[in-house]
């Protein structure tokens, strides 16, 4: 029997490449700020989508 999915369960990944130094600096700063790199990237994506939201067809 499989477990039911949680409402906010993440079900996909985004793989990206960046210079090791930038990645290490970002992860280190996140740690210093008591947050995680994944949390900050998700926050950035949500903010970016919100700022660039296009009206849907039903809104027009």
Protein backbone atom coordinates (compact mmCIF):
# COMPACT_ATOMS: atom_id res chain seq x y z
CA UNK A 1 0.00 0.00 0.00
CA UNK A 2 1.48 3.36 -1.00
CA UNK A 3 1.32 6.44 1.16
CA UNK A 4 -0.92 9.31 0.00
CA UNK A 5 0.97 12.35 -1.27
CA UNK A 6 1.17 15.38 0.97
CA UNK A 7 -0.47 18.51 -0.43
CA UNK A 8 2.80 20.45 -0.84
CA UNK A 9 5.05 17.51 -1.65
CA UNK A 10 7.71 18.34 -4.18
CA UNK A 11 7.56 16.06 -7.19
CA UNK A 12 10.13 17.43 -9.63
CA UNK A 13 13.71 18.62 -9.69
CA UNK A 14 15.59 21.41 -11.41
CA UNK A 15 19.19 20.56 -12.20
CA UNK A 16 21.54 23.42 -12.97
CA UNK A 17 25.24 23.92 -13.43
CA UNK A 18 27.17 26.84 -12.00
CA UNK A 19 30.75 27.52 -11.00
CA UNK A 20 31.79 25.60 -7.89
CA UNK A 21 32.96 28.78 -6.15
CA UNK A 22 29.56 30.45 -6.60
CA UNK A 23 27.75 27.33 -5.40
CA UNK A 24 29.99 27.02 -2.34
CA UNK A 25 29.64 30.72 -1.47
CA UNK A 26 25.84 30.52 -1.83
CA UNK A 27 25.53 27.40 0.32
CA UNK A 28 27.86 28.90 2.93
CA UNK A 29 25.92 32.18 3.08
CA UNK A 30 22.63 30.30 3.37
CA UNK A 31 24.08 28.33 6.27
CA UNK A 32 25.28 31.56 7.94
CA UNK A 33 21.75 32.98 7.54
CA UNK A 34 20.20 29.80 9.01
CA UNK A 35 18.39 28.83 5.82
CA UNK A 36 18.94 26.30 3.07
CA UNK A 37 19.99 26.76 -0.53
CA UNK A 38 16.91 24.87 -1.72
CA UNK A 39 14.58 27.08 0.35
CA UNK A 40 16.14 30.26 -1.05
CA UNK A 41 15.99 29.01 -4.64
CA UNK A 42 12.30 28.06 -4.19
CA UNK A 43 11.66 31.52 -2.69
CA UNK A 44 13.38 33.17 -5.65
CA UNK A 45 11.34 31.14 -8.15
CA UNK A 46 8.03 31.97 -6.43
CA UNK A 47 8.91 35.68 -6.28
CA UNK A 48 10.07 35.72 -9.91
CA UNK A 49 6.87 34.02 -11.07
CA UNK A 50 4.75 36.42 -9.06
CA UNK A 51 6.53 39.48 -10.45
CA UNK A 52 6.22 38.24 -14.04
CA UNK A 53 2.77 36.73 -13.83
CA UNK A 54 0.85 36.88 -17.08
CA UNK A 55 -2.94 37.26 -17.00
CA UNK A 56 -4.64 33.97 -17.80
CA UNK A 57 -7.11 33.64 -20.67
CA UNK A 58 -10.08 33.55 -18.26
CA UNK A 59 -9.00 36.96 -16.83
CA UNK A 60 -9.31 38.65 -20.22
